[in-house]
Every structure is written in structure tokens, then in C-alpha cells.
Amino acid sequence: MHSRPRRPSRAQGAGAKSIAGQNVIAIDGPAGAGKSTAARRLAAALGFTYVDSGAMYRAVGLAARRLGIDPDDAAAVADLVAQVTFVADPKGTRVLLDGTDVTADLRATDAGVWASRIATHALVRERLVERQRALAADGAIVMDGRDIGTVVFPDARYKFFLTAHAEERARRRQAQDAGSGIASDVTTARREIDARDRRDRERAIAPLRPAADAIVIDNSALTPEMVVARMLETVRARARP
């Protein structure tokens, strides 16, 4: 059974209540742009539930790798979507495979590589988009990814696209890997970032791009606090009657 996002409580005030009526805040951007950090903090500030769509792709990729399924076999990979349990949690999306919580395994570099490969399949994306929309069926969420504002929730009132210089994104990714105990260096991280950017931009299905009505924030020189403050200002301003 998949849990639903929780609604903001009355204690969070009229501002949060009016914002909740809009249901979804979409945050897109390339790898290492700080989407997860911003989305998690924004959700906490508004009392929304945070959903990491990237974790959903990594989970299916991880399942394919562990089961020895060819990532280029679209039908076989798509069938795995039903076998993965996604749990909406205030701190992020938890993922269960065969009843085992594998959320901590999703940040490994190979999980990201597999996610990028399976994301090229239309059938896989279609089934994951259904799951992503279901998570917002009756609750207020902040969801980050690469096509949230363009494909998953094209009618979302609040759309942001975060980006940063490739070198800065590589530095952040290396620091993230180091914090997770994964051996890495900035040069390797930059090479992986560049490769991921190419795959994301050039794929035929849902290529990475800002939604036409998204607010683009280059956070190369911004702290996470500054990014979230800017996003909060926008959301609250648009939520006013």
C-alpha cells in the first residue's frame, strides 16, 4: 500500500492553506543543481511532502541491475515499476524492493547511470509518471526531477528550474559522494556530469529543458538558504488572493 502525501495542517496558517490548493510545486534541473536540497527545504517550510522523482528512476534501475535485466529491454524494465514500492515521507521518498528499504543505495553512482539509461524508454517513463501523479492525488507536494514541470505536471502553478555551472555542479557531486563514503574526485564527477547532461538533453523522450513558464534560478553562487528564500517569496506572492 502506497502512502499519500500529507496535507498542511491548520496550524501552518492561512498562507500555507491557500498555497495547498495549488497542490504541486515542480522543480527541475540538471544533475548537481541542488534540486533535492531545495525541494526538501521548501517542502519543510510549507508543510508539503517532498517527492524525489529521481529516486523512483534510480530504484527501477537498481532493481534491473540486481535482477540481471537488460536496461535496454524496455518492456522488462517497465514491468519492474509495479514491483517497487514508493513511500511518500516528509523527509523524502523512501523506496522498498521486496520489502527491503533500499533508499540509501540509490545515491551510488551506478544507480544514477542505470537511471539515465532506463529513462530513455517511453513505456518506463509512462508508468513512472502515473505513479508520480498518484502521489499528488490528494495532497500537497514538492516534486523534483527533470521533466516535472514539462511532462508530469505541466499545469503546475509553481515551476522552478535550477541550474549551475558544470564545474560547480561537479564539485557539489564530489562532496556529496564523499559524504556518502563514495570515492570520487572533481575531475571524475565533471566527466559524469557532462555525460549525464548530454543524455538528458539529447534523449528523444522528455529531454531536459525548462518549462516555458518556469522561473530559472542559476544558483552557482547562491547558498541553499538563498535559493529557498527566493522560491518561498515567489510561491507566497502568487498564493495571495
C-alpha atoms as a PDB file:
ATOM      1  CA  MET A   1       0.000   0.000   0.000  1.00  0.00           C
ATOM      2  CA  HIS A   2       1.428   3.374  -1.022  1.00  0.00           C
ATOM      3  CA  SER A   3       1.033   6.216   1.432  1.00  0.00           C
ATOM      4  CA  ARG A   4      -0.324   9.534   0.285  1.00  0.00           C
ATOM      5  CA  PRO A   5       1.309  12.932   0.834  1.00  0.00           C
ATOM      6  CA  ARG A   6       0.002  14.677   3.914  1.00  0.00           C
ATOM      7  CA  ARG A   7      -1.873  17.942   3.778  1.00  0.00           C
ATOM      8  CA  PRO A   8      -0.621  21.055   5.578  1.00  0.00           C
ATOM      9  CA  SER A   9      -2.223  21.420   8.995  1.00  0.00           C
ATOM     10  CA  ARG A  10      -4.334  24.396  10.015  1.00  0.00           C
ATOM     11  CA  ALA A  11      -1.603  25.340  12.436  1.00  0.00           C
ATOM     12  CA  GLN A  12       0.585  26.250   9.474  1.00  0.00           C
ATOM     13  CA  GLY A  13      -1.525  29.300   8.752  1.00  0.00           C
ATOM     14  CA  ALA A  14      -3.688  30.793   6.061  1.00  0.00           C
ATOM     15  CA  GLY A  15      -0.718  31.286   3.729  1.00  0.00           C
ATOM     16  CA  ALA A  16       0.109  27.586   3.665  1.00  0.00           C
ATOM     17  CA  LYS A  17      -3.567  26.696   3.368  1.00  0.00           C
ATOM     18  CA  SER A  18      -4.072  28.822   0.266  1.00  0.00           C
ATOM     19  CA  ILE A  19      -0.877  27.521  -1.287  1.00  0.00           C
ATOM     20  CA  ALA A  20      -2.001  23.934  -0.659  1.00  0.00           C
ATOM     21  CA  GLY A  21      -4.892  24.427  -3.040  1.00  0.00           C
ATOM     22  CA  GLN A  22      -2.405  24.515  -5.874  1.00  0.00           C
ATOM     23  CA  ASN A  23      -1.193  21.035  -4.848  1.00  0.00           C
ATOM     24  CA  VAL A  24       2.151  20.775  -6.661  1.00  0.00           C
ATOM     25  CA  ILE A  25       5.409  22.696  -6.785  1.00  0.00           C
ATOM     26  CA  ALA A  26       7.626  21.422  -9.612  1.00  0.00           C
ATOM     27  CA  ILE A  27      11.408  21.758  -9.506  1.00  0.00           C
ATOM     28  CA  ASP A  28      13.520  20.661 -12.480  1.00  0.00           C
ATOM     29  CA  GLY A  29      17.165  20.940 -13.412  1.00  0.00           C
ATOM     30  CA  PRO A  30      20.317  19.040 -14.362  1.00  0.00           C
ATOM     31  CA  ALA A  31      22.364  16.750 -12.129  1.00  0.00           C
ATOM     32  CA  GLY A  32      24.081  18.505  -9.238  1.00  0.00           C
ATOM     33  CA  ALA A  33      21.951  21.649  -9.448  1.00  0.00           C
ATOM     34  CA  GLY A  34      20.776  21.363  -5.842  1.00  0.00           C
ATOM     35  CA  LYS A  35      17.220  20.299  -6.656  1.00  0.00           C
ATOM     36  CA  SER A  36      16.858  17.782  -3.832  1.00  0.00           C
ATOM     37  CA  THR A  37      18.236  20.129  -1.187  1.00  0.00           C
ATOM     38  CA  ALA A  38      15.997  22.986  -2.306  1.00  0.00           C
ATOM     39  CA  ALA A  39      12.919  20.782  -2.706  1.00  0.00           C
ATOM     40  CA  ARG A  40      13.322  19.174   0.709  1.00  0.00           C
ATOM     41  CA  ARG A  41      13.771  22.536   2.453  1.00  0.00           C
ATOM     42  CA  LEU A  42      10.949  24.196   0.543  1.00  0.00           C
ATOM     43  CA  ALA A  43       8.594  21.343   1.402  1.00  0.00           C
ATOM     44  CA  ALA A  44       9.531  21.591   5.076  1.00  0.00           C
ATOM     45  CA  ALA A  45       8.959  25.356   5.094  1.00  0.00           C
ATOM     46  CA  LEU A  46       5.491  24.986   3.553  1.00  0.00           C
ATOM     47  CA  GLY A  47       4.407  21.811   5.307  1.00  0.00           C
ATOM     48  CA  PHE A  48       4.253  19.938   1.998  1.00  0.00           C
ATOM     49  CA  THR A  49       5.512  16.413   1.311  1.00  0.00           C
ATOM     50  CA  TYR A  50       8.742  16.090  -0.673  1.00  0.00           C
ATOM     51  CA  VAL A  51       8.824  13.580  -3.555  1.00  0.00           C
ATOM     52  CA  ASP A  52      12.137  12.763  -5.245  1.00  0.00           C
ATOM     53  CA  SER A  53      11.213  11.556  -8.738  1.00  0.00           C
ATOM     54  CA  GLY A  54      14.844  10.772  -9.473  1.00  0.00           C
ATOM     55  CA  ALA A  55      14.801   8.216  -6.671  1.00  0.00           C
ATOM     56  CA  MET A  56      11.987   6.451  -8.500  1.00  0.00           C
ATOM     57  CA  TYR A  57      14.068   6.068 -11.661  1.00  0.00           C
ATOM     58  CA  ARG A  58      17.131   5.018  -9.692  1.00  0.00           C
ATOM     59  CA  ALA A  59      15.043   2.446  -7.826  1.00  0.00           C
ATOM     60  CA  VAL A  60      13.839   0.823 -11.030  1.00  0.00           C
ATOM     61  CA  GLY A  61      17.372   0.918 -12.433  1.00  0.00           C
ATOM     62  CA  LEU A  62      18.688  -0.658  -9.239  1.00  0.00           C
ATOM     63  CA  ALA A  63      16.050  -3.381  -9.440  1.00  0.00           C
ATOM     64  CA  ALA A  64      17.007  -4.104 -13.053  1.00  0.00           C
ATOM     65  CA  ARG A  65      20.695  -4.364 -12.171  1.00  0.00           C
ATOM     66  CA  ARG A  66      20.098  -6.649  -9.208  1.00  0.00           C
ATOM     67  CA  LEU A  67      17.809  -8.921 -11.212  1.00  0.00           C
ATOM     68  CA  GLY A  68      20.118  -9.031 -14.214  1.00  0.00           C
ATOM     69  CA  ILE A  69      17.631  -7.374 -16.560  1.00  0.00           C
ATOM     70  CA  ASP A  70      18.999  -5.681 -19.663  1.00  0.00           C
ATOM     71  CA  PRO A  71      18.432  -1.919 -19.188  1.00  0.00           C
ATOM     72  CA  ASP A  72      17.726  -1.676 -22.920  1.00  0.00           C
ATOM     73  CA  ASP A  73      14.788  -4.105 -22.641  1.00  0.00           C
ATOM     74  CA  ALA A  74      12.027  -1.519 -22.245  1.00  0.00           C
ATOM     75  CA  ALA A  75       9.181  -3.962 -21.600  1.00  0.00           C
ATOM     76  CA  ALA A  76      11.068  -5.933 -18.955  1.00  0.00           C
ATOM     77  CA  VAL A  77      12.220  -2.782 -17.165  1.00  0.00           C
ATOM     78  CA  ALA A  78       8.722  -1.261 -17.293  1.00  0.00           C
ATOM     79  CA  ASP A  79       7.330  -4.377 -15.621  1.00  0.00           C
ATOM     80  CA  LEU A  80       9.624  -3.677 -12.662  1.00  0.00           C
ATOM     81  CA  VAL A  81       7.790  -0.440 -11.844  1.00  0.00           C
ATOM     82  CA  ALA A  82       4.927  -2.403 -10.287  1.00  0.00           C
ATOM     83  CA  GLN A  83       7.383  -4.315  -8.099  1.00  0.00           C
ATOM     84  CA  VAL A  84       8.849  -1.222  -6.456  1.00  0.00           C
ATOM     85  CA  THR A  85       7.088   0.430  -3.515  1.00  0.00           C
ATOM     86  CA  PHE A  86       7.395   4.209  -3.239  1.00  0.00           C
ATOM     87  CA  VAL A  87       6.553   5.708   0.146  1.00  0.00           C
ATOM     88  CA  ALA A  88       5.909   9.457   0.378  1.00  0.00           C
ATOM     89  CA  ASP A  89       7.679  10.655   3.516  1.00  0.00           C
ATOM     90  CA  PRO A  90       8.109  14.200   4.907  1.00  0.00           C
ATOM     91  CA  LYS A  91      11.895  13.812   4.526  1.00  0.00           C
ATOM     92  CA  GLY A  92      11.777  12.385   1.022  1.00  0.00           C
ATOM     93  CA  THR A  93      10.735   9.369  -0.995  1.00  0.00           C
ATOM     94  CA  ARG A  94      11.570   6.003   0.556  1.00  0.00           C
ATOM     95  CA  VAL A  95      11.931   3.023  -1.741  1.00  0.00           C
ATOM     96  CA  LEU A  96      11.294  -0.630  -0.944  1.00  0.00           C
ATOM     97  CA  LEU A  97      12.368  -3.604  -3.060  1.00  0.00           C
ATOM     98  CA  ASP A  98      10.883  -6.910  -1.945  1.00  0.00           C
ATOM     99  CA  GLY A  99      10.031  -5.274   1.382  1.00  0.00           C
ATOM    100  CA  THR A 100      13.593  -4.065   1.973  1.00  0.00           C
ATOM    101  CA  ASP A 101      14.306  -0.339   2.269  1.00  0.00           C
ATOM    102  CA  VAL A 102      16.984   0.423  -0.347  1.00  0.00           C
ATOM    103  CA  THR A 103      16.747   4.213  -0.198  1.00  0.00           C
ATOM    104  CA  ALA A 104      20.355   4.563   0.986  1.00  0.00           C
ATOM    105  CA  ASP A 105      21.604   2.608  -2.045  1.00  0.00           C
ATOM    106  CA  LEU A 106      20.078   4.990  -4.555  1.00  0.00           C
ATOM    107  CA  ARG A 107      22.779   7.661  -4.364  1.00  0.00           C
ATOM    108  CA  ALA A 108      25.524   5.370  -5.641  1.00  0.00           C
ATOM    109  CA  THR A 109      26.998   6.473  -8.983  1.00  0.00           C
ATOM    110  CA  ASP A 110      25.969   3.290 -10.778  1.00  0.00           C
ATOM    111  CA  ALA A 111      22.348   3.796  -9.693  1.00  0.00           C
ATOM    112  CA  GLY A 112      22.391   7.163 -11.431  1.00  0.00           C
ATOM    113  CA  VAL A 113      23.905   5.660 -14.573  1.00  0.00           C
ATOM    114  CA  TRP A 114      21.247   2.962 -14.732  1.00  0.00           C
ATOM    115  CA  ALA A 115      18.525   5.536 -14.063  1.00  0.00           C
ATOM    116  CA  SER A 116      19.710   7.596 -17.014  1.00  0.00           C
ATOM    117  CA  ARG A 117      19.631   4.544 -19.292  1.00  0.00           C
ATOM    118  CA  ILE A 118      16.156   3.308 -18.378  1.00  0.00           C
ATOM    119  CA  ALA A 119      14.757   6.850 -18.524  1.00  0.00           C
ATOM    120  CA  THR A 120      15.093   6.775 -22.313  1.00  0.00           C
ATOM    121  CA  HIS A 121      12.237   4.260 -22.605  1.00  0.00           C
ATOM    122  CA  ALA A 122       8.779   5.725 -23.255  1.00  0.00           C
ATOM    123  CA  LEU A 123       6.990   2.838 -21.520  1.00  0.00           C
ATOM    124  CA  VAL A 124       9.118   3.142 -18.372  1.00  0.00           C
ATOM    125  CA  ARG A 125       8.536   6.884 -18.189  1.00  0.00           C
ATOM    126  CA  GLU A 126       4.811   6.451 -18.798  1.00  0.00           C
ATOM    127  CA  ARG A 127       4.430   4.054 -15.886  1.00  0.00           C
ATOM    128  CA  LEU A 128       6.551   6.130 -13.538  1.00  0.00           C
ATOM    129  CA  VAL A 129       4.655   9.296 -14.461  1.00  0.00           C
ATOM    130  CA  GLU A 130       1.441   7.505 -13.457  1.00  0.00           C
ATOM    131  CA  ARG A 131       2.975   6.693 -10.076  1.00  0.00           C
ATOM    132  CA  GLN A 132       4.233  10.251  -9.654  1.00  0.00           C
ATOM    133  CA  ARG A 133       0.824  11.739 -10.389  1.00  0.00           C
ATOM    134  CA  ALA A 134      -0.799   9.304  -7.984  1.00  0.00           C
ATOM    135  CA  LEU A 135       1.386  10.656  -5.179  1.00  0.00           C
ATOM    136  CA  ALA A 136      -0.183  14.079  -5.693  1.00  0.00           C
ATOM    137  CA  ALA A 137      -3.757  12.817  -5.972  1.00  0.00           C
ATOM    138  CA  ASP A 138      -4.902  14.132  -2.607  1.00  0.00           C
ATOM    139  CA  GLY A 139      -2.034  16.021  -1.027  1.00  0.00           C
ATOM    140  CA  ALA A 140       0.309  18.966  -1.397  1.00  0.00           C
ATOM    141  CA  ILE A 141       3.769  18.044  -2.678  1.00  0.00           C
ATOM    142  CA  VAL A 142       7.074  19.454  -3.835  1.00  0.00           C
ATOM    143  CA  MET A 143       8.496  17.177  -6.536  1.00  0.00           C
ATOM    144  CA  ASP A 144      11.893  17.496  -8.156  1.00  0.00           C
ATOM    145  CA  GLY A 145      13.239  15.875 -11.296  1.00  0.00           C
ATOM    146  CA  ARG A 146      13.963  16.623 -14.929  1.00  0.00           C
ATOM    147  CA  ASP A 147      10.512  16.746 -16.520  1.00  0.00           C
ATOM    148  CA  ILE A 148       8.161  17.567 -13.640  1.00  0.00           C
ATOM    149  CA  GLY A 149       7.069  20.954 -14.965  1.00  0.00           C
ATOM    150  CA  THR A 150       7.090  19.928 -18.632  1.00  0.00           C
ATOM    151  CA  VAL A 151       5.560  16.427 -18.585  1.00  0.00           C
ATOM    152  CA  VAL A 152       4.436  15.166 -15.179  1.00  0.00           C
ATOM    153  CA  PHE A 153       2.627  18.309 -14.012  1.00  0.00           C
ATOM    154  CA  PRO A 154       2.545  20.720 -16.974  1.00  0.00           C
ATOM    155  CA  ASP A 155      -0.290  22.658 -15.321  1.00  0.00           C
ATOM    156  CA  ALA A 156       1.505  23.162 -12.004  1.00  0.00           C
ATOM    157  CA  ARG A 157       1.208  26.792 -10.967  1.00  0.00           C
ATOM    158  CA  TYR A 158       4.622  26.834  -9.334  1.00  0.00           C
ATOM    159  CA  LYS A 159       7.530  25.770 -11.533  1.00  0.00           C
ATOM    160  CA  PHE A 160      11.223  26.287 -10.966  1.00  0.00           C
ATOM    161  CA  PHE A 161      14.277  25.273 -12.976  1.00  0.00           C
ATOM    162  CA  LEU A 162      17.523  25.212 -11.005  1.00  0.00           C
ATOM    163  CA  THR A 163      20.876  25.238 -12.723  1.00  0.00           C
ATOM    164  CA  ALA A 164      24.551  25.989 -12.028  1.00  0.00           C
ATOM    165  CA  HIS A 165      27.852  25.948 -13.883  1.00  0.00           C
ATOM    166  CA  ALA A 166      29.048  22.416 -14.693  1.00  0.00           C
ATOM    167  CA  GLU A 167      32.217  22.804 -12.625  1.00  0.00           C
ATOM    168  CA  GLU A 168      30.233  23.864  -9.573  1.00  0.00           C
ATOM    169  CA  ARG A 169      27.811  21.002 -10.036  1.00  0.00           C
ATOM    170  CA  ALA A 170      30.734  18.580 -10.280  1.00  0.00           C
ATOM    171  CA  ARG A 171      32.192  19.971  -7.063  1.00  0.00           C
ATOM    172  CA  ARG A 172      28.873  19.500  -5.294  1.00  0.00           C
ATOM    173  CA  ARG A 173      28.501  15.946  -6.592  1.00  0.00           C
ATOM    174  CA  GLN A 174      32.014  15.036  -5.424  1.00  0.00           C
ATOM    175  CA  ALA A 175      31.264  16.466  -1.981  1.00  0.00           C
ATOM    176  CA  GLN A 176      28.009  14.510  -1.867  1.00  0.00           C
ATOM    177  CA  ASP A 177      29.820  11.303  -2.813  1.00  0.00           C
ATOM    178  CA  ALA A 178      32.479  11.924  -0.177  1.00  0.00           C
ATOM    179  CA  GLY A 179      29.792  12.466   2.435  1.00  0.00           C
ATOM    180  CA  SER A 180      28.284   9.112   1.477  1.00  0.00           C
ATOM    181  CA  GLY A 181      31.633   7.345   1.682  1.00  0.00           C
ATOM    182  CA  ILE A 182      31.947   7.011  -2.103  1.00  0.00           C
ATOM    183  CA  ALA A 183      35.452   7.508  -3.515  1.00  0.00           C
ATOM    184  CA  SER A 184      35.432  10.249  -6.146  1.00  0.00           C
ATOM    185  CA  ASP A 185      37.211  13.376  -7.376  1.00  0.00           C
ATOM    186  CA  VAL A 186      36.075  16.540  -9.106  1.00  0.00           C
ATOM    187  CA  THR A 187      37.541  15.533 -12.477  1.00  0.00           C
ATOM    188  CA  THR A 188      35.644  12.247 -12.496  1.00  0.00           C
ATOM    189  CA  ALA A 189      32.493  13.943 -11.218  1.00  0.00           C
ATOM    190  CA  ARG A 190      32.735  16.554 -14.001  1.00  0.00           C
ATOM    191  CA  ARG A 191      33.079  13.847 -16.626  1.00  0.00           C
ATOM    192  CA  GLU A 192      29.996  12.081 -15.263  1.00  0.00           C
ATOM    193  CA  ILE A 193      28.051  15.356 -15.057  1.00  0.00           C
ATOM    194  CA  ASP A 194      28.876  16.198 -18.688  1.00  0.00           C
ATOM    195  CA  ALA A 195      27.844  12.728 -19.866  1.00  0.00           C
ATOM    196  CA  ARG A 196      24.602  12.886 -17.895  1.00  0.00           C
ATOM    197  CA  ASP A 197      23.837  16.353 -19.262  1.00  0.00           C
ATOM    198  CA  ARG A 198      24.238  15.094 -22.830  1.00  0.00           C
ATOM    199  CA  ARG A 199      21.952  12.112 -22.246  1.00  0.00           C
ATOM    200  CA  ASP A 200      19.329  14.273 -20.540  1.00  0.00           C
ATOM    201  CA  ARG A 201      19.344  16.982 -23.208  1.00  0.00           C
ATOM    202  CA  GLU A 202      19.508  14.712 -26.247  1.00  0.00           C
ATOM    203  CA  ARG A 203      17.050  11.948 -25.378  1.00  0.00           C
ATOM    204  CA  ALA A 204      14.081  11.829 -27.711  1.00  0.00           C
ATOM    205  CA  ILE A 205      11.533  11.484 -24.906  1.00  0.00           C
ATOM    206  CA  ALA A 206      11.092  14.302 -22.368  1.00  0.00           C
ATOM    207  CA  PRO A 207      14.503  15.939 -22.878  1.00  0.00           C
ATOM    208  CA  LEU A 208      15.742  18.188 -20.097  1.00  0.00           C
ATOM    209  CA  ARG A 209      14.603  21.773 -20.612  1.00  0.00           C
ATOM    210  CA  PRO A 210      12.919  24.479 -18.550  1.00  0.00           C
ATOM    211  CA  ALA A 211       9.147  24.731 -18.851  1.00  0.00           C
ATOM    212  CA  ALA A 212       8.160  27.853 -20.764  1.00  0.00           C
ATOM    213  CA  ASP A 213       6.625  29.313 -17.601  1.00  0.00           C
ATOM    214  CA  ALA A 214       9.281  28.126 -15.146  1.00  0.00           C
ATOM    215  CA  ILE A 215      11.356  30.530 -13.073  1.00  0.00           C
ATOM    216  CA  VAL A 216      15.010  29.781 -13.838  1.00  0.00           C
ATOM    217  CA  ILE A 217      17.437  30.177 -10.945  1.00  0.00           C
ATOM    218  CA  ASP A 218      21.191  29.938 -11.534  1.00  0.00           C
ATOM    219  CA  ASN A 219      22.455  29.051  -8.084  1.00  0.00           C
ATOM    220  CA  SER A 220      26.161  28.771  -8.915  1.00  0.00           C
ATOM    221  CA  ALA A 221      26.937  31.481  -6.364  1.00  0.00           C
ATOM    222  CA  LEU A 222      23.907  31.061  -4.101  1.00  0.00           C
ATOM    223  CA  THR A 223      23.607  29.179  -0.825  1.00  0.00           C
ATOM    224  CA  PRO A 224      20.745  26.687  -0.386  1.00  0.00           C
ATOM    225  CA  GLU A 225      19.149  29.151   2.048  1.00  0.00           C
ATOM    226  CA  MET A 226      19.201  31.899  -0.574  1.00  0.00           C
ATOM    227  CA  VAL A 227      17.657  29.625  -3.199  1.00  0.00           C
ATOM    228  CA  VAL A 228      14.828  28.519  -0.917  1.00  0.00           C
ATOM    229  CA  ALA A 229      14.172  32.096   0.209  1.00  0.00           C
ATOM    230  CA  ARG A 230      13.754  33.156  -3.408  1.00  0.00           C
ATOM    231  CA  MET A 231      11.403  30.257  -4.113  1.00  0.00           C
ATOM    232  CA  LEU A 232       9.341  30.908  -0.993  1.00  0.00           C
ATOM    233  CA  GLU A 233       8.960  34.546  -1.955  1.00  0.00           C
ATOM    234  CA  THR A 234       7.610  33.537  -5.365  1.00  0.00           C
ATOM    235  CA  VAL A 235       5.214  30.888  -4.051  1.00  0.00           C
ATOM    236  CA  ARG A 236       3.794  33.088  -1.321  1.00  0.00           C
ATOM    237  CA  ALA A 237       3.398  36.049  -3.666  1.00  0.00           C
ATOM    238  CA  ARG A 238       1.430  34.004  -6.196  1.00  0.00           C
ATOM    239  CA  ALA A 239      -0.699  32.429  -3.470  1.00  0.00           C
ATOM    240  CA  ARG A 240      -2.030  35.782  -2.312  1.00  0.00           C
ATOM    241  CA  PRO A 241      -5.646  36.466  -3.330  1.00  0.00           C
END
